[in-house]
Amino acid sequence: MDLRVLNYFLTVAQEKTISKAAEVLHLSQPTLSKQLKDLEEELGVQLFIRGNREISLTEDGVYLQNRGKEILALVDTTTANLKKNEVIGGDILIGGGESQAFQVLATVLNDLMKTYPDINVHLYSGNADDVKNKINKGLLDFGLVINPVEKQKYEYISLPVSDCWGILVNNHHELAKKTAVTPQDLKNQALLISSQTLVNNQLSDWLGESLSNFHVVGSYNLLYNASLLVKEGTSLVFCIDGIINTNNSGLTFVPLSPALTSKIRLIWKKKQIFSNAASLFLKQLMQLTEGQSR
C-alpha cells in the first residue's frame, strides 16, 4: 500500500467529502476518486459508503482509518528521528497510567529538554494494557507500569518509588472516617475497580479471595472520571494514593490494611532500537535511579 494513497484515504475520512478532501490535498476530484477506487480494488474491500451529502466509512474503512493513523504516526516519528541523528534530537514517546512515579521521569525529561532543544516529548495516558499494546506496535518507546512485568517481552528498570493502594470514598461514606480499611470492611460495598488484569490479580491476592465474591459495580481506565462518580454516589474505588487531590474535593483516600504497595517500572520492548534522544533519556534515567537506590 502506497503511503501517499493512505494519506489520501485518511484525508477523505476526515473531511467526509471528495470535494473538500481534494481541496486539502490539491488534487482534482476525478484523480482522488480514482485513487480511492484503486485502493478498494487493491484491498478487495469496500471502504466508503457514498451518500448524497457525505461519505461515511464501512467497518473495514474504520479499521483502516485506525491502523492508518498508527502507520503514518510511526513513519513520521521514524523520519524525524533519522533526520536528527547527527544531533541529540527527535521524539521520546512515553505512555503510562496515572502515578506519582512519573515525577522521576519528569525530572530527567525536563533536564534533557533544557539542554537539547531539538528533543520533543510525547506523553500518552492509558492503562498498562493500552501502553503495552502501543509499545508492541512501535508507537511508544517506553511505558510506565505497575509490577509485575512480562520479562519474556520487555526490558525494564525499577523506579525508586512505590504506589500505595487504598480506596477513594465520598466524605459522607461510612468508611471515610477510618484510618485504614480491611478486606472485611469492603464486603457488600459497591466497588469500582481498575480495568487492568494484572492489577486486579493483586487486589484479589490482598482480599484473600476472588473479586467475584465482592459487589463490583463497574471498572475504570483512568481515575479522574471515576472519582466524580464516587463523589456523587455511594460507591468507592480501588486506586493508588496521590492521583486525585482530595483537599476540599469532597473525597477521602483511605489506605488498605494490611498495606498494599506496588513497585513501578519503566519498560521497553526487547531488542528495541532507540533514537539518540530516547537512548540518552534511558541512560540518564538509569544513572538517576542508581544514585537514588544507594
C-alpha atoms as a PDB file:
ATOM      1  CA  MET A   1       0.000   0.000   0.000  1.00  0.00           C
ATOM      2  CA  ASP A   2       1.367   3.406  -1.023  1.00  0.00           C
ATOM      3  CA  LEU A   3       1.706   5.737   1.973  1.00  0.00           C
ATOM      4  CA  ARG A   4       0.660   8.645  -0.244  1.00  0.00           C
ATOM      5  CA  VAL A   5      -2.632   6.924  -1.062  1.00  0.00           C
ATOM      6  CA  LEU A   6      -3.112   6.008   2.595  1.00  0.00           C
ATOM      7  CA  ASN A   7      -2.858   9.715   3.400  1.00  0.00           C
ATOM      8  CA  TYR A   8      -5.463  10.417   0.697  1.00  0.00           C
ATOM      9  CA  PHE A   9      -7.818   7.896   2.306  1.00  0.00           C
ATOM     10  CA  LEU A  10      -7.366   9.398   5.780  1.00  0.00           C
ATOM     11  CA  THR A  11      -7.998  12.898   4.460  1.00  0.00           C
ATOM     12  CA  VAL A  12     -11.261  11.829   2.808  1.00  0.00           C
ATOM     13  CA  ALA A  13     -12.298  10.023   6.002  1.00  0.00           C
ATOM     14  CA  GLN A  14     -11.683  13.236   7.954  1.00  0.00           C
ATOM     15  CA  GLU A  15     -13.280  15.685   5.509  1.00  0.00           C
ATOM     16  CA  LYS A  16     -16.211  13.350   4.667  1.00  0.00           C
ATOM     17  CA  THR A  17     -16.490  14.593   1.071  1.00  0.00           C
ATOM     18  CA  ILE A  18     -14.340  14.074  -2.021  1.00  0.00           C
ATOM     19  CA  SER A  19     -14.549  17.760  -2.911  1.00  0.00           C
ATOM     20  CA  LYS A  20     -13.243  19.042   0.441  1.00  0.00           C
ATOM     21  CA  ALA A  21     -10.530  16.396   0.581  1.00  0.00           C
ATOM     22  CA  ALA A  22      -9.435  17.232  -2.956  1.00  0.00           C
ATOM     23  CA  GLU A  23      -9.054  20.895  -1.969  1.00  0.00           C
ATOM     24  CA  VAL A  24      -6.955  19.982   1.071  1.00  0.00           C
ATOM     25  CA  LEU A  25      -4.765  17.634  -0.974  1.00  0.00           C
ATOM     26  CA  HIS A  26      -4.555  19.980  -4.001  1.00  0.00           C
ATOM     27  CA  LEU A  27      -5.843  17.260  -6.311  1.00  0.00           C
ATOM     28  CA  SER A  28      -8.657  17.150  -8.834  1.00  0.00           C
ATOM     29  CA  GLN A  29     -11.773  15.288  -7.734  1.00  0.00           C
ATOM     30  CA  PRO A  30     -11.545  12.696 -10.563  1.00  0.00           C
ATOM     31  CA  THR A  31      -7.913  11.940  -9.665  1.00  0.00           C
ATOM     32  CA  LEU A  32      -8.741  11.488  -5.982  1.00  0.00           C
ATOM     33  CA  SER A  33     -11.808   9.357  -6.750  1.00  0.00           C
ATOM     34  CA  LYS A  34      -9.723   7.064  -8.966  1.00  0.00           C
ATOM     35  CA  GLN A  35      -7.041   6.681  -6.280  1.00  0.00           C
ATOM     36  CA  LEU A  36      -9.660   5.635  -3.738  1.00  0.00           C
ATOM     37  CA  LYS A  37     -11.307   3.204  -6.143  1.00  0.00           C
ATOM     38  CA  ASP A  38      -7.916   1.663  -6.938  1.00  0.00           C
ATOM     39  CA  LEU A  39      -7.225   1.327  -3.193  1.00  0.00           C
ATOM     40  CA  GLU A  40     -10.515  -0.520  -2.631  1.00  0.00           C
ATOM     41  CA  GLU A  41      -9.752  -2.841  -5.552  1.00  0.00           C
ATOM     42  CA  GLU A  42      -6.222  -3.473  -4.249  1.00  0.00           C
ATOM     43  CA  LEU A  43      -7.520  -4.383  -0.783  1.00  0.00           C
ATOM     44  CA  GLY A  44     -10.593  -6.218  -2.054  1.00  0.00           C
ATOM     45  CA  VAL A  45     -12.950  -4.419   0.330  1.00  0.00           C
ATOM     46  CA  GLN A  46     -15.389  -1.510   0.301  1.00  0.00           C
ATOM     47  CA  LEU A  47     -14.044   1.335   2.416  1.00  0.00           C
ATOM     48  CA  PHE A  48     -16.703   4.014   1.889  1.00  0.00           C
ATOM     49  CA  ILE A  49     -20.476   4.341   1.817  1.00  0.00           C
ATOM     50  CA  ARG A  50     -21.104   7.174  -0.606  1.00  0.00           C
ATOM     51  CA  GLY A  51     -24.153   9.177   0.471  1.00  0.00           C
ATOM     52  CA  ASN A  52     -25.854  12.181  -1.113  1.00  0.00           C
ATOM     53  CA  ARG A  53     -24.020  14.723   1.028  1.00  0.00           C
ATOM     54  CA  GLU A  54     -21.279  12.946   2.929  1.00  0.00           C
ATOM     55  CA  ILE A  55     -19.104   9.888   2.710  1.00  0.00           C
ATOM     56  CA  SER A  56     -19.102   7.502   5.685  1.00  0.00           C
ATOM     57  CA  LEU A  57     -16.812   4.592   6.446  1.00  0.00           C
ATOM     58  CA  THR A  58     -17.659   0.913   6.334  1.00  0.00           C
ATOM     59  CA  GLU A  59     -16.440  -1.374   9.120  1.00  0.00           C
ATOM     60  CA  ASP A  60     -13.356  -2.140   7.006  1.00  0.00           C
ATOM     61  CA  GLY A  61     -12.900   1.575   6.443  1.00  0.00           C
ATOM     62  CA  VAL A  62     -12.929   2.308  10.179  1.00  0.00           C
ATOM     63  CA  TYR A  63     -10.331  -0.425  10.703  1.00  0.00           C
ATOM     64  CA  LEU A  64      -8.070   1.033   8.006  1.00  0.00           C
ATOM     65  CA  GLN A  65      -8.538   4.529   9.432  1.00  0.00           C
ATOM     66  CA  ASN A  66      -7.395   3.449  12.895  1.00  0.00           C
ATOM     67  CA  ARG A  67      -4.446   1.416  11.668  1.00  0.00           C
ATOM     68  CA  GLY A  68      -3.573   4.004   9.014  1.00  0.00           C
ATOM     69  CA  LYS A  69      -3.190   6.723  11.652  1.00  0.00           C
ATOM     70  CA  GLU A  70      -0.841   4.444  13.581  1.00  0.00           C
ATOM     71  CA  ILE A  71       1.183   3.653  10.449  1.00  0.00           C
ATOM     72  CA  LEU A  72       1.654   7.301   9.456  1.00  0.00           C
ATOM     73  CA  ALA A  73       2.481   8.303  13.039  1.00  0.00           C
ATOM     74  CA  LEU A  74       5.195   5.632  13.127  1.00  0.00           C
ATOM     75  CA  VAL A  75       6.566   6.802   9.771  1.00  0.00           C
ATOM     76  CA  ASP A  76       6.626  10.444  10.934  1.00  0.00           C
ATOM     77  CA  THR A  77       8.423   9.551  14.164  1.00  0.00           C
ATOM     78  CA  THR A  78      10.969   7.360  12.388  1.00  0.00           C
ATOM     79  CA  THR A  79      11.666  10.028   9.777  1.00  0.00           C
ATOM     80  CA  ALA A  80      12.082  12.776  12.373  1.00  0.00           C
ATOM     81  CA  ASN A  81      14.463  10.684  14.447  1.00  0.00           C
ATOM     82  CA  LEU A  82      16.602   9.716  11.438  1.00  0.00           C
ATOM     83  CA  LYS A  83      16.837  13.305  10.218  1.00  0.00           C
ATOM     84  CA  LYS A  84      18.093  14.398  13.639  1.00  0.00           C
ATOM     85  CA  ASN A  85      20.558  11.545  14.031  1.00  0.00           C
ATOM     86  CA  GLU A  86      23.584  13.843  13.798  1.00  0.00           C
ATOM     87  CA  VAL A  87      22.422  15.897  16.767  1.00  0.00           C
ATOM     88  CA  ILE A  88      20.699  14.971  20.009  1.00  0.00           C
ATOM     89  CA  GLY A  89      17.111  15.406  18.938  1.00  0.00           C
ATOM     90  CA  GLY A  90      13.941  13.689  17.874  1.00  0.00           C
ATOM     91  CA  ASP A  91      10.967  12.264  19.704  1.00  0.00           C
ATOM     92  CA  ILE A  92      10.718  10.469  23.029  1.00  0.00           C
ATOM     93  CA  LEU A  93       7.372   8.682  23.324  1.00  0.00           C
ATOM     94  CA  ILE A  94       6.266   7.574  26.784  1.00  0.00           C
ATOM     95  CA  GLY A  95       2.994   6.038  27.907  1.00  0.00           C
ATOM     96  CA  GLY A  96       1.713   5.213  31.340  1.00  0.00           C
ATOM     97  CA  GLY A  97      -1.078   5.190  33.834  1.00  0.00           C
ATOM     98  CA  GLU A  98      -1.563   7.795  36.485  1.00  0.00           C
ATOM     99  CA  SER A  99       1.198   7.587  39.084  1.00  0.00           C
ATOM    100  CA  GLN A 100       3.291   9.978  41.138  1.00  0.00           C
ATOM    101  CA  ALA A 101       6.236   7.883  39.946  1.00  0.00           C
ATOM    102  CA  PHE A 102       6.127   9.886  36.717  1.00  0.00           C
ATOM    103  CA  GLN A 103       7.822  12.684  38.668  1.00  0.00           C
ATOM    104  CA  VAL A 104      11.078  10.686  38.395  1.00  0.00           C
ATOM    105  CA  LEU A 105      10.762  10.628  34.600  1.00  0.00           C
ATOM    106  CA  ALA A 106       9.737  14.291  34.533  1.00  0.00           C
ATOM    107  CA  THR A 107      12.989  15.288  36.249  1.00  0.00           C
ATOM    108  CA  VAL A 108      15.090  13.620  33.549  1.00  0.00           C
ATOM    109  CA  LEU A 109      12.898  14.796  30.682  1.00  0.00           C
ATOM    110  CA  ASN A 110      12.970  18.405  31.859  1.00  0.00           C
ATOM    111  CA  ASP A 111      16.773  18.408  32.063  1.00  0.00           C
ATOM    112  CA  LEU A 112      17.065  16.907  28.570  1.00  0.00           C
ATOM    113  CA  MET A 113      14.648  19.384  27.001  1.00  0.00           C
ATOM    114  CA  LYS A 114      16.536  22.332  28.519  1.00  0.00           C
ATOM    115  CA  THR A 115      19.899  21.000  27.329  1.00  0.00           C
ATOM    116  CA  TYR A 116      18.812  19.727  23.907  1.00  0.00           C
ATOM    117  CA  PRO A 117      16.124  21.936  22.343  1.00  0.00           C
ATOM    118  CA  ASP A 118      15.658  19.526  19.402  1.00  0.00           C
ATOM    119  CA  ILE A 119      14.154  16.905  21.708  1.00  0.00           C
ATOM    120  CA  ASN A 120      10.361  16.586  21.697  1.00  0.00           C
ATOM    121  CA  VAL A 121       8.459  14.638  24.332  1.00  0.00           C
ATOM    122  CA  HIS A 122       5.113  12.968  23.629  1.00  0.00           C
ATOM    123  CA  LEU A 123       3.095  11.581  26.542  1.00  0.00           C
ATOM    124  CA  TYR A 124       0.266   9.081  26.280  1.00  0.00           C
ATOM    125  CA  SER A 125      -2.038   8.370  29.217  1.00  0.00           C
ATOM    126  CA  GLY A 126      -3.566   4.917  29.396  1.00  0.00           C
ATOM    127  CA  ASN A 127      -3.634   1.776  31.445  1.00  0.00           C
ATOM    128  CA  ALA A 128      -0.924  -0.875  31.247  1.00  0.00           C
ATOM    129  CA  ASP A 129      -2.780  -2.948  28.649  1.00  0.00           C
ATOM    130  CA  ASP A 130      -3.092   0.058  26.310  1.00  0.00           C
ATOM    131  CA  VAL A 131       0.515   1.082  26.862  1.00  0.00           C
ATOM    132  CA  LYS A 132       1.966  -2.373  26.203  1.00  0.00           C
ATOM    133  CA  ASN A 133      -0.120  -2.689  23.048  1.00  0.00           C
ATOM    134  CA  LYS A 134       1.367   0.557  21.710  1.00  0.00           C
ATOM    135  CA  ILE A 135       4.901  -0.475  22.702  1.00  0.00           C
ATOM    136  CA  ASN A 136       4.425  -3.742  20.826  1.00  0.00           C
ATOM    137  CA  LYS A 137       3.352  -1.805  17.717  1.00  0.00           C
ATOM    138  CA  GLY A 138       6.315   0.587  17.939  1.00  0.00           C
ATOM    139  CA  LEU A 139       4.111   3.579  18.741  1.00  0.00           C
ATOM    140  CA  LEU A 140       5.738   4.166  22.141  1.00  0.00           C
ATOM    141  CA  ASP A 141       9.370   3.917  23.235  1.00  0.00           C
ATOM    142  CA  PHE A 142       8.677   3.368  26.929  1.00  0.00           C
ATOM    143  CA  GLY A 143       5.834   2.511  29.274  1.00  0.00           C
ATOM    144  CA  LEU A 144       5.349   3.246  32.962  1.00  0.00           C
ATOM    145  CA  VAL A 145       3.615   0.233  34.508  1.00  0.00           C
ATOM    146  CA  ILE A 146       2.919  -1.376  37.847  1.00  0.00           C
ATOM    147  CA  ASN A 147       4.823  -4.540  38.705  1.00  0.00           C
ATOM    148  CA  PRO A 148       4.782  -7.398  37.619  1.00  0.00           C
ATOM    149  CA  VAL A 149       6.421  -7.230  34.184  1.00  0.00           C
ATOM    150  CA  GLU A 150       6.281  -9.854  31.431  1.00  0.00           C
ATOM    151  CA  LYS A 151      10.040 -10.418  31.373  1.00  0.00           C
ATOM    152  CA  GLN A 152       9.986 -12.509  28.194  1.00  0.00           C
ATOM    153  CA  LYS A 153       8.677  -9.480  26.253  1.00  0.00           C
ATOM    154  CA  TYR A 154      10.174  -6.410  27.906  1.00  0.00           C
ATOM    155  CA  GLU A 155      13.331  -4.947  29.361  1.00  0.00           C
ATOM    156  CA  TYR A 156      12.752  -2.761  32.407  1.00  0.00           C
ATOM    157  CA  ILE A 157      14.194  -0.739  35.230  1.00  0.00           C
ATOM    158  CA  SER A 158      12.599  -0.323  38.643  1.00  0.00           C
ATOM    159  CA  LEU A 159      11.964   3.221  39.819  1.00  0.00           C
ATOM    160  CA  PRO A 160      12.901   4.164  43.403  1.00  0.00           C
ATOM    161  CA  VAL A 161       9.260   4.765  44.379  1.00  0.00           C
ATOM    162  CA  SER A 162       6.200   2.673  45.175  1.00  0.00           C
ATOM    163  CA  ASP A 163       2.499   3.318  44.805  1.00  0.00           C
ATOM    164  CA  CYS A 164       0.283   2.872  47.865  1.00  0.00           C
ATOM    165  CA  TRP A 165      -3.174   1.366  47.290  1.00  0.00           C
ATOM    166  CA  GLY A 166      -6.352   2.324  49.071  1.00  0.00           C
ATOM    167  CA  ILE A 167      -9.929   3.362  48.449  1.00  0.00           C
ATOM    168  CA  LEU A 168     -11.360   6.716  47.416  1.00  0.00           C
ATOM    169  CA  VAL A 169     -14.719   7.477  49.020  1.00  0.00           C
ATOM    170  CA  ASN A 170     -17.206  10.298  49.373  1.00  0.00           C
ATOM    171  CA  ASN A 171     -16.646  12.202  52.624  1.00  0.00           C
ATOM    172  CA  HIS A 172     -20.100  11.096  53.808  1.00  0.00           C
ATOM    173  CA  HIS A 173     -19.351   7.409  53.249  1.00  0.00           C
ATOM    174  CA  GLU A 174     -19.212   5.226  56.360  1.00  0.00           C
ATOM    175  CA  LEU A 175     -15.596   4.240  55.606  1.00  0.00           C
ATOM    176  CA  ALA A 176     -14.329   7.817  55.218  1.00  0.00           C
ATOM    177  CA  LYS A 177     -13.598   8.167  58.942  1.00  0.00           C
ATOM    178  CA  LYS A 178     -11.460   5.025  59.162  1.00  0.00           C
ATOM    179  CA  THR A 179      -7.656   5.248  59.223  1.00  0.00           C
ATOM    180  CA  ALA A 180      -7.410   2.086  57.105  1.00  0.00           C
ATOM    181  CA  VAL A 181      -9.764  -0.485  55.600  1.00  0.00           C
ATOM    182  CA  THR A 182      -9.560  -4.270  55.702  1.00  0.00           C
ATOM    183  CA  PRO A 183     -10.986  -6.827  53.274  1.00  0.00           C
ATOM    184  CA  GLN A 184     -13.847  -7.430  55.702  1.00  0.00           C
ATOM    185  CA  ASP A 185     -14.738  -3.703  55.610  1.00  0.00           C
ATOM    186  CA  LEU A 186     -15.323  -3.997  51.878  1.00  0.00           C
ATOM    187  CA  LYS A 187     -17.821  -6.817  51.983  1.00  0.00           C
ATOM    188  CA  ASN A 188     -21.152  -5.665  50.482  1.00  0.00           C
ATOM    189  CA  GLN A 189     -19.653  -2.308  49.448  1.00  0.00           C
ATOM    190  CA  ALA A 190     -20.199  -1.077  45.860  1.00  0.00           C
ATOM    191  CA  LEU A 191     -16.717  -1.274  44.324  1.00  0.00           C
ATOM    192  CA  LEU A 192     -15.223   0.303  41.219  1.00  0.00           C
ATOM    193  CA  ILE A 193     -12.040  -1.456  40.120  1.00  0.00           C
ATOM    194  CA  SER A 194      -9.292  -0.901  37.587  1.00  0.00           C
ATOM    195  CA  SER A 195      -9.757  -2.449  34.142  1.00  0.00           C
ATOM    196  CA  GLN A 196      -6.175  -3.797  34.239  1.00  0.00           C
ATOM    197  CA  THR A 197      -5.961  -7.570  34.612  1.00  0.00           C
ATOM    198  CA  LEU A 198      -2.635  -7.697  36.486  1.00  0.00           C
ATOM    199  CA  VAL A 199      -3.748  -5.020  38.947  1.00  0.00           C
ATOM    200  CA  ASN A 200      -6.931  -6.891  39.757  1.00  0.00           C
ATOM    201  CA  ASN A 201      -4.932 -10.060  40.346  1.00  0.00           C
ATOM    202  CA  GLN A 202      -3.015  -8.131  43.009  1.00  0.00           C
ATOM    203  CA  LEU A 203      -6.249  -6.925  44.598  1.00  0.00           C
ATOM    204  CA  SER A 204      -7.616 -10.473  44.668  1.00  0.00           C
ATOM    205  CA  ASP A 205      -4.461 -11.603  46.464  1.00  0.00           C
ATOM    206  CA  TRP A 206      -4.886  -8.812  49.009  1.00  0.00           C
ATOM    207  CA  LEU A 207      -8.576  -9.588  49.521  1.00  0.00           C
ATOM    208  CA  GLY A 208      -7.738 -13.253  50.014  1.00  0.00           C
ATOM    209  CA  GLU A 209     -10.444 -14.350  47.587  1.00  0.00           C
ATOM    210  CA  SER A 210     -11.779 -13.677  44.112  1.00  0.00           C
ATOM    211  CA  LEU A 211     -13.160 -10.251  43.249  1.00  0.00           C
ATOM    212  CA  SER A 212     -16.272 -12.079  42.046  1.00  0.00           C
ATOM    213  CA  ASN A 213     -17.174 -12.602  45.708  1.00  0.00           C
ATOM    214  CA  PHE A 214     -17.444  -8.831  46.189  1.00  0.00           C
ATOM    215  CA  HIS A 215     -20.009  -6.332  44.924  1.00  0.00           C
ATOM    216  CA  VAL A 216     -18.176  -4.937  41.896  1.00  0.00           C
ATOM    217  CA  VAL A 217     -20.383  -2.342  40.178  1.00  0.00           C
ATOM    218  CA  GLY A 218     -18.007  -1.186  37.457  1.00  0.00           C
ATOM    219  CA  SER A 219     -14.487  -0.514  36.231  1.00  0.00           C
ATOM    220  CA  TYR A 220     -12.382   2.447  35.169  1.00  0.00           C
ATOM    221  CA  ASN A 221      -9.442   3.151  32.904  1.00  0.00           C
ATOM    222  CA  LEU A 222      -8.142   6.459  34.286  1.00  0.00           C
ATOM    223  CA  LEU A 223      -9.151   7.691  37.703  1.00  0.00           C
ATOM    224  CA  TYR A 224     -10.497  11.238  37.311  1.00  0.00           C
ATOM    225  CA  ASN A 225     -13.928  10.414  35.878  1.00  0.00           C
ATOM    226  CA  ALA A 226     -14.308   7.523  38.315  1.00  0.00           C
ATOM    227  CA  SER A 227     -13.620   9.931  41.185  1.00  0.00           C
ATOM    228  CA  LEU A 228     -16.535  12.134  40.058  1.00  0.00           C
ATOM    229  CA  LEU A 229     -18.834   9.122  40.125  1.00  0.00           C
ATOM    230  CA  VAL A 230     -17.642   8.296  43.640  1.00  0.00           C
ATOM    231  CA  LYS A 231     -18.160  11.882  44.754  1.00  0.00           C
ATOM    232  CA  GLU A 232     -21.791  11.870  43.646  1.00  0.00           C
ATOM    233  CA  GLY A 233     -22.759   8.416  44.946  1.00  0.00           C
ATOM    234  CA  THR A 234     -22.214   5.660  47.453  1.00  0.00           C
ATOM    235  CA  SER A 235     -19.684   3.553  45.565  1.00  0.00           C
ATOM    236  CA  LEU A 236     -15.954   3.526  46.299  1.00  0.00           C
ATOM    237  CA  VAL A 237     -12.980   2.990  44.029  1.00  0.00           C
ATOM    238  CA  PHE A 238      -9.788   0.984  44.476  1.00  0.00           C
ATOM    239  CA  CYS A 239      -6.929   3.278  43.445  1.00  0.00           C
ATOM    240  CA  ILE A 240      -3.435   4.470  44.279  1.00  0.00           C
ATOM    241  CA  ASP A 241      -2.707   7.438  46.503  1.00  0.00           C
ATOM    242  CA  GLY A 242      -1.792  10.892  45.224  1.00  0.00           C
ATOM    243  CA  ILE A 243      -3.543  10.840  41.840  1.00  0.00           C
ATOM    244  CA  ILE A 244      -6.595  12.760  42.997  1.00  0.00           C
ATOM    245  CA  ASN A 245      -6.054  15.854  45.131  1.00  0.00           C
ATOM    246  CA  THR A 246      -8.554  15.286  47.927  1.00  0.00           C
ATOM    247  CA  ASN A 247      -8.178  18.750  49.510  1.00  0.00           C
ATOM    248  CA  ASN A 248     -11.617  20.407  49.509  1.00  0.00           C
ATOM    249  CA  SER A 249     -12.769  17.831  46.955  1.00  0.00           C
ATOM    250  CA  GLY A 250     -15.462  16.071  48.970  1.00  0.00           C
ATOM    251  CA  LEU A 251     -13.381  12.895  48.730  1.00  0.00           C
ATOM    252  CA  THR A 252     -11.202  10.954  51.167  1.00  0.00           C
ATOM    253  CA  PHE A 253      -8.426   8.465  50.448  1.00  0.00           C
ATOM    254  CA  VAL A 254      -8.198   5.611  52.959  1.00  0.00           C
ATOM    255  CA  PRO A 255      -5.206   3.209  52.772  1.00  0.00           C
ATOM    256  CA  LEU A 256      -5.565  -0.562  52.927  1.00  0.00           C
ATOM    257  CA  SER A 257      -4.689  -2.720  55.902  1.00  0.00           C
ATOM    258  CA  PRO A 258      -2.544  -4.713  55.577  1.00  0.00           C
ATOM    259  CA  ALA A 259      -0.777  -2.213  53.364  1.00  0.00           C
ATOM    260  CA  LEU A 260      -0.648  -2.946  49.636  1.00  0.00           C
ATOM    261  CA  THR A 261       2.110  -1.270  47.618  1.00  0.00           C
ATOM    262  CA  SER A 262       3.252  -1.719  44.026  1.00  0.00           C
ATOM    263  CA  LYS A 263       6.697  -1.184  42.553  1.00  0.00           C
ATOM    264  CA  ILE A 264       6.726   0.972  39.432  1.00  0.00           C
ATOM    265  CA  ARG A 265       8.812   0.021  36.433  1.00  0.00           C
ATOM    266  CA  LEU A 266       9.705   1.600  33.130  1.00  0.00           C
ATOM    267  CA  ILE A 267       9.502  -0.988  30.361  1.00  0.00           C
ATOM    268  CA  TRP A 268      10.541  -1.151  26.720  1.00  0.00           C
ATOM    269  CA  LYS A 269      10.439  -3.828  24.042  1.00  0.00           C
ATOM    270  CA  LYS A 270      13.288  -6.321  23.957  1.00  0.00           C
ATOM    271  CA  LYS A 271      15.876  -5.570  21.239  1.00  0.00           C
ATOM    272  CA  GLN A 272      14.368  -2.109  20.796  1.00  0.00           C
ATOM    273  CA  ILE A 273      16.436   0.283  18.672  1.00  0.00           C
ATOM    274  CA  PHE A 274      16.055   3.785  20.070  1.00  0.00           C
ATOM    275  CA  SER A 275      16.596   7.245  18.638  1.00  0.00           C
ATOM    276  CA  ASN A 276      19.583   9.039  20.133  1.00  0.00           C
ATOM    277  CA  ALA A 277      17.179  11.144  22.212  1.00  0.00           C
ATOM    278  CA  ALA A 278      15.435   8.087  23.685  1.00  0.00           C
ATOM    279  CA  SER A 279      18.787   6.392  24.294  1.00  0.00           C
ATOM    280  CA  LEU A 280      20.082   9.411  26.193  1.00  0.00           C
ATOM    281  CA  PHE A 281      16.890   9.587  28.242  1.00  0.00           C
ATOM    282  CA  LEU A 282      17.256   5.949  29.266  1.00  0.00           C
ATOM    283  CA  LYS A 283      20.942   6.390  30.120  1.00  0.00           C
ATOM    284  CA  GLN A 284      20.288   9.412  32.328  1.00  0.00           C
ATOM    285  CA  LEU A 285      17.284   7.774  33.995  1.00  0.00           C
ATOM    286  CA  MET A 286      19.413   4.735  34.847  1.00  0.00           C
ATOM    287  CA  GLN A 287      22.077   6.987  36.351  1.00  0.00           C
ATOM    288  CA  LEU A 288      19.472   8.819  38.430  1.00  0.00           C
ATOM    289  CA  THR A 289      17.764   5.672  39.718  1.00  0.00           C
ATOM    290  CA  GLU A 290      21.076   4.001  40.555  1.00  0.00           C
ATOM    291  CA  GLY A 291      22.108   7.071  42.558  1.00  0.00           C
ATOM    292  CA  GLN A 292      18.797   7.172  44.454  1.00  0.00           C
ATOM    293  CA  SER A 293      18.906   3.454  45.249  1.00  0.00           C
ATOM    294  CA  ARG A 294      22.286   3.680  47.017  1.00  0.00           C
END
